[in-house]
N, C-alpha and C. Protein backbone atom coordinates (compact mmCIF):
# COMPACT_ATOMS: atom_id res chain seq x y z
N UNK A 1 -180.90 47.28 -75.57
CA UNK A 1 -180.80 46.99 -76.99
C UNK A 1 -181.32 45.57 -77.24
N UNK A 2 -182.25 45.44 -78.20
CA UNK A 2 -182.81 44.13 -78.52
C UNK A 2 -181.76 43.27 -79.24
N UNK A 3 -182.04 41.97 -79.32
CA UNK A 3 -181.14 41.07 -80.03
C UNK A 3 -180.99 41.48 -81.49
N UNK A 4 -182.11 41.88 -82.10
CA UNK A 4 -182.09 42.29 -83.52
C UNK A 4 -181.25 43.57 -83.70
N UNK A 5 -181.42 44.52 -82.78
CA UNK A 5 -180.63 45.76 -82.85
C UNK A 5 -179.14 45.48 -82.64
N UNK A 6 -178.83 44.57 -81.73
CA UNK A 6 -177.44 44.18 -81.48
C UNK A 6 -176.84 43.52 -82.72
N UNK A 7 -177.60 42.63 -83.34
CA UNK A 7 -177.14 41.96 -84.55
C UNK A 7 -176.89 42.99 -85.66
N UNK A 8 -177.82 43.92 -85.82
CA UNK A 8 -177.69 44.96 -86.84
C UNK A 8 -176.45 45.83 -86.58
N UNK A 9 -176.20 46.18 -85.33
CA UNK A 9 -175.03 47.00 -84.98
C UNK A 9 -173.74 46.24 -85.29
N UNK A 10 -173.72 44.95 -85.02
CA UNK A 10 -172.52 44.16 -85.30
C UNK A 10 -172.29 44.01 -86.81
N UNK A 11 -173.37 43.87 -87.57
CA UNK A 11 -173.25 43.80 -89.02
C UNK A 11 -172.73 45.13 -89.57
N UNK A 12 -173.26 46.25 -89.08
CA UNK A 12 -172.78 47.57 -89.51
C UNK A 12 -171.28 47.72 -89.21
N UNK A 13 -170.86 47.27 -88.04
CA UNK A 13 -169.44 47.34 -87.68
C UNK A 13 -168.59 46.51 -88.64
N UNK A 14 -169.08 45.34 -89.01
CA UNK A 14 -168.36 44.49 -89.97
C UNK A 14 -168.28 45.17 -91.33
N UNK A 15 -169.38 45.77 -91.76
CA UNK A 15 -169.37 46.48 -93.05
C UNK A 15 -168.43 47.67 -93.01
N UNK A 16 -168.32 48.31 -91.86
CA UNK A 16 -167.42 49.46 -91.73
C UNK A 16 -165.97 49.07 -91.96
N UNK A 17 -165.63 47.79 -91.77
CA UNK A 17 -164.24 47.35 -92.01
C UNK A 17 -163.93 47.27 -93.50
N UNK A 18 -164.94 47.10 -94.32
CA UNK A 18 -164.72 46.97 -95.77
C UNK A 18 -165.13 48.23 -96.53
N UNK A 19 -165.88 49.09 -95.90
CA UNK A 19 -166.34 50.32 -96.59
C UNK A 19 -165.21 51.17 -97.15
N UNK A 20 -164.09 51.35 -96.47
CA UNK A 20 -163.02 52.18 -97.06
C UNK A 20 -162.59 51.69 -98.45
N UNK A 21 -162.60 50.38 -98.66
CA UNK A 21 -162.21 49.83 -99.96
C UNK A 21 -163.29 50.11 -101.00
N UNK A 22 -164.54 50.02 -100.60
CA UNK A 22 -165.64 50.32 -101.51
C UNK A 22 -165.65 51.80 -101.87
N UNK A 23 -165.48 52.64 -100.86
CA UNK A 23 -165.48 54.09 -101.06
C UNK A 23 -164.32 54.53 -101.94
N UNK A 24 -163.18 53.84 -101.83
CA UNK A 24 -162.02 54.18 -102.66
C UNK A 24 -162.34 54.04 -104.15
N UNK A 25 -163.30 53.17 -104.47
CA UNK A 25 -163.73 53.00 -105.86
C UNK A 25 -165.09 53.65 -106.11
N UNK A 26 -165.45 54.63 -105.27
CA UNK A 26 -166.69 55.39 -105.39
C UNK A 26 -167.94 54.53 -105.21
N UNK A 27 -167.83 53.52 -104.36
CA UNK A 27 -168.96 52.65 -104.07
C UNK A 27 -169.28 52.64 -102.59
N UNK A 28 -170.28 51.87 -102.24
CA UNK A 28 -170.65 51.68 -100.84
C UNK A 28 -171.70 50.58 -100.80
N UNK A 29 -172.25 50.36 -99.61
CA UNK A 29 -173.24 49.32 -99.41
C UNK A 29 -174.20 49.79 -98.32
N UNK A 30 -175.46 49.41 -98.44
CA UNK A 30 -176.42 49.72 -97.38
C UNK A 30 -177.20 48.46 -97.02
N UNK A 31 -177.57 48.36 -95.77
CA UNK A 31 -178.35 47.22 -95.29
C UNK A 31 -179.82 47.49 -95.58
N UNK A 32 -180.46 46.50 -96.19
CA UNK A 32 -181.90 46.59 -96.41
C UNK A 32 -182.65 45.88 -95.28
N UNK A 33 -182.19 44.68 -94.93
CA UNK A 33 -182.83 43.94 -93.85
C UNK A 33 -181.99 42.74 -93.45
N UNK A 34 -182.28 42.25 -92.27
CA UNK A 34 -181.81 40.95 -91.83
C UNK A 34 -183.07 40.13 -91.65
N UNK A 35 -183.21 39.07 -92.42
CA UNK A 35 -184.43 38.28 -92.38
C UNK A 35 -184.50 37.46 -91.09
N UNK A 36 -185.66 36.86 -90.87
CA UNK A 36 -185.83 35.99 -89.70
C UNK A 36 -184.91 34.77 -89.78
N UNK A 37 -184.46 34.44 -90.99
CA UNK A 37 -183.53 33.31 -91.19
C UNK A 37 -182.08 33.76 -91.10
N UNK A 38 -181.85 35.02 -90.68
CA UNK A 38 -180.51 35.62 -90.57
C UNK A 38 -179.78 35.71 -91.90
N UNK A 39 -180.52 36.04 -92.93
CA UNK A 39 -179.92 36.35 -94.23
C UNK A 39 -179.86 37.86 -94.33
N UNK A 40 -178.66 38.37 -94.57
CA UNK A 40 -178.46 39.81 -94.71
C UNK A 40 -178.73 40.22 -96.14
N UNK A 41 -179.67 41.14 -96.33
CA UNK A 41 -179.98 41.67 -97.66
C UNK A 41 -179.42 43.07 -97.73
N UNK A 42 -178.62 43.31 -98.77
CA UNK A 42 -177.95 44.60 -98.94
C UNK A 42 -178.23 45.17 -100.32
N UNK A 43 -177.90 46.44 -100.45
CA UNK A 43 -177.93 47.11 -101.75
C UNK A 43 -176.56 47.70 -101.99
N UNK A 44 -176.00 47.40 -103.16
CA UNK A 44 -174.72 47.99 -103.56
C UNK A 44 -175.00 49.40 -104.07
N UNK A 45 -174.13 50.33 -103.71
CA UNK A 45 -174.33 51.74 -104.04
C UNK A 45 -173.18 52.26 -104.88
N UNK A 46 -173.42 53.39 -105.54
CA UNK A 46 -172.37 54.05 -106.31
C UNK A 46 -171.85 53.17 -107.43
N UNK A 47 -170.55 53.18 -107.63
CA UNK A 47 -169.97 52.40 -108.73
C UNK A 47 -170.12 50.90 -108.52
N UNK A 48 -170.37 50.46 -107.29
CA UNK A 48 -170.59 49.03 -107.04
C UNK A 48 -171.85 48.52 -107.73
N UNK A 49 -172.80 49.42 -107.98
CA UNK A 49 -174.05 49.03 -108.64
C UNK A 49 -173.83 48.55 -110.06
N UNK A 50 -172.91 49.16 -110.77
CA UNK A 50 -172.73 48.85 -112.19
C UNK A 50 -171.41 48.13 -112.49
N UNK A 51 -170.66 47.78 -111.48
CA UNK A 51 -169.36 47.13 -111.70
C UNK A 51 -169.54 45.65 -112.05
N UNK A 52 -168.89 45.18 -113.11
CA UNK A 52 -169.01 43.78 -113.47
C UNK A 52 -168.36 42.85 -112.44
N UNK A 53 -167.57 43.40 -111.56
CA UNK A 53 -166.92 42.59 -110.51
C UNK A 53 -167.72 42.61 -109.21
N UNK A 54 -168.95 43.09 -109.26
CA UNK A 54 -169.73 43.22 -108.03
C UNK A 54 -169.97 41.89 -107.33
N UNK A 55 -170.08 40.79 -108.09
CA UNK A 55 -170.25 39.47 -107.46
C UNK A 55 -169.01 39.10 -106.65
N UNK A 56 -167.84 39.45 -107.16
CA UNK A 56 -166.59 39.19 -106.43
C UNK A 56 -166.53 40.06 -105.17
N UNK A 57 -166.91 41.31 -105.32
CA UNK A 57 -166.93 42.22 -104.16
C UNK A 57 -167.86 41.67 -103.10
N UNK A 58 -169.02 41.19 -103.52
CA UNK A 58 -170.00 40.66 -102.57
C UNK A 58 -169.46 39.41 -101.89
N UNK A 59 -169.02 38.43 -102.64
CA UNK A 59 -168.65 37.13 -102.06
C UNK A 59 -167.29 37.15 -101.36
N UNK A 60 -166.29 37.74 -102.00
CA UNK A 60 -164.93 37.69 -101.45
C UNK A 60 -164.67 38.80 -100.44
N UNK A 61 -165.44 39.86 -100.49
CA UNK A 61 -165.20 40.98 -99.59
C UNK A 61 -166.28 41.14 -98.55
N UNK A 62 -167.44 41.58 -98.98
CA UNK A 62 -168.53 41.92 -98.06
C UNK A 62 -168.99 40.70 -97.26
N UNK A 63 -169.33 39.62 -97.96
CA UNK A 63 -169.85 38.43 -97.27
C UNK A 63 -168.82 37.86 -96.30
N UNK A 64 -167.58 37.77 -96.71
CA UNK A 64 -166.55 37.20 -95.83
C UNK A 64 -166.35 38.06 -94.58
N UNK A 65 -166.35 39.37 -94.73
CA UNK A 65 -166.19 40.26 -93.58
C UNK A 65 -167.34 40.09 -92.60
N UNK A 66 -168.56 39.99 -93.13
CA UNK A 66 -169.74 39.87 -92.26
C UNK A 66 -169.77 38.50 -91.59
N UNK A 67 -169.56 37.43 -92.34
CA UNK A 67 -169.63 36.09 -91.76
C UNK A 67 -168.56 35.86 -90.70
N UNK A 68 -167.40 36.45 -90.90
CA UNK A 68 -166.32 36.32 -89.91
C UNK A 68 -166.67 37.04 -88.61
N UNK A 69 -167.23 38.23 -88.73
CA UNK A 69 -167.52 39.05 -87.55
C UNK A 69 -168.85 38.70 -86.89
N UNK A 70 -169.79 38.20 -87.67
CA UNK A 70 -171.14 37.93 -87.16
C UNK A 70 -171.57 36.54 -87.63
N UNK A 71 -171.12 35.50 -86.94
CA UNK A 71 -171.39 34.14 -87.39
C UNK A 71 -172.86 33.75 -87.41
N UNK A 72 -173.70 34.53 -86.76
CA UNK A 72 -175.15 34.24 -86.80
C UNK A 72 -175.74 34.46 -88.19
N UNK A 73 -175.10 35.33 -88.98
CA UNK A 73 -175.57 35.59 -90.34
C UNK A 73 -175.25 34.36 -91.19
N UNK A 74 -176.27 33.87 -91.89
CA UNK A 74 -176.12 32.66 -92.70
C UNK A 74 -175.57 32.95 -94.10
N UNK A 75 -176.00 34.06 -94.69
CA UNK A 75 -175.51 34.45 -96.01
C UNK A 75 -175.81 35.93 -96.24
N UNK A 76 -175.18 36.45 -97.29
CA UNK A 76 -175.38 37.85 -97.67
C UNK A 76 -175.84 37.86 -99.12
N UNK A 77 -176.94 38.58 -99.37
CA UNK A 77 -177.49 38.68 -100.71
C UNK A 77 -177.61 40.15 -101.09
N UNK A 78 -177.17 40.46 -102.30
CA UNK A 78 -177.35 41.82 -102.84
C UNK A 78 -178.53 41.80 -103.79
N UNK A 79 -179.38 42.80 -103.68
CA UNK A 79 -180.57 42.84 -104.53
C UNK A 79 -180.26 43.37 -105.93
N UNK A 80 -179.06 43.91 -106.12
CA UNK A 80 -178.77 44.58 -107.40
C UNK A 80 -177.39 44.23 -107.95
N UNK A 81 -177.08 42.95 -108.03
CA UNK A 81 -175.81 42.54 -108.63
C UNK A 81 -175.83 42.78 -110.14
N UNK A 82 -174.72 43.22 -110.68
CA UNK A 82 -174.58 43.42 -112.12
C UNK A 82 -173.87 42.21 -112.71
N UNK A 83 -174.51 41.53 -113.67
CA UNK A 83 -173.84 40.39 -114.31
C UNK A 83 -172.58 40.85 -115.03
N UNK A 84 -171.56 40.02 -115.01
CA UNK A 84 -170.27 40.39 -115.58
C UNK A 84 -170.38 40.69 -117.08
N UNK A 85 -171.35 40.08 -117.76
CA UNK A 85 -171.49 40.31 -119.19
C UNK A 85 -172.59 41.32 -119.54
N UNK A 86 -173.05 42.05 -118.55
CA UNK A 86 -174.09 43.06 -118.78
C UNK A 86 -173.55 44.20 -119.64
N UNK A 87 -174.33 44.67 -120.62
CA UNK A 87 -173.89 45.81 -121.42
C UNK A 87 -173.82 47.10 -120.59
N UNK A 88 -174.44 47.10 -119.43
CA UNK A 88 -174.41 48.28 -118.55
C UNK A 88 -173.28 48.23 -117.53
N UNK A 89 -172.51 47.15 -117.53
CA UNK A 89 -171.41 47.00 -116.57
C UNK A 89 -170.30 47.98 -116.89
N UNK A 90 -169.84 48.69 -115.87
CA UNK A 90 -168.78 49.68 -116.03
C UNK A 90 -167.79 49.53 -114.88
N UNK A 91 -166.52 49.38 -115.23
CA UNK A 91 -165.49 49.32 -114.19
C UNK A 91 -165.32 50.70 -113.57
N UNK A 92 -165.10 50.74 -112.24
CA UNK A 92 -164.86 52.04 -111.60
C UNK A 92 -163.56 52.66 -112.10
N UNK A 93 -163.50 53.97 -112.08
CA UNK A 93 -162.29 54.67 -112.49
C UNK A 93 -161.18 54.40 -111.51
N UNK A 94 -160.00 54.12 -112.03
CA UNK A 94 -158.83 53.95 -111.17
C UNK A 94 -158.33 55.30 -110.73
N UNK A 95 -157.83 55.36 -109.51
CA UNK A 95 -157.33 56.63 -108.99
C UNK A 95 -155.83 56.66 -109.05
């Protein structure tokens, strides 16, 4: 396994620790790439795409889980964050 594949596997494992919480609100996350500068680029999926709290989910949940488990990662960026004041922002349904 190459260093890049090992890094990717460790990032996936870190994301797997937070996925149950995302899935509980009908959301998820997918990895787009890890740059040469070790910046993790992700895409928010499902209800996470349109949730006005997606920045909180990214910074307080996803990024913290990844940085704790994989210190080589410098930061986590989502390509599709929804601004909190967006007219398209929709809170996920409570269960």
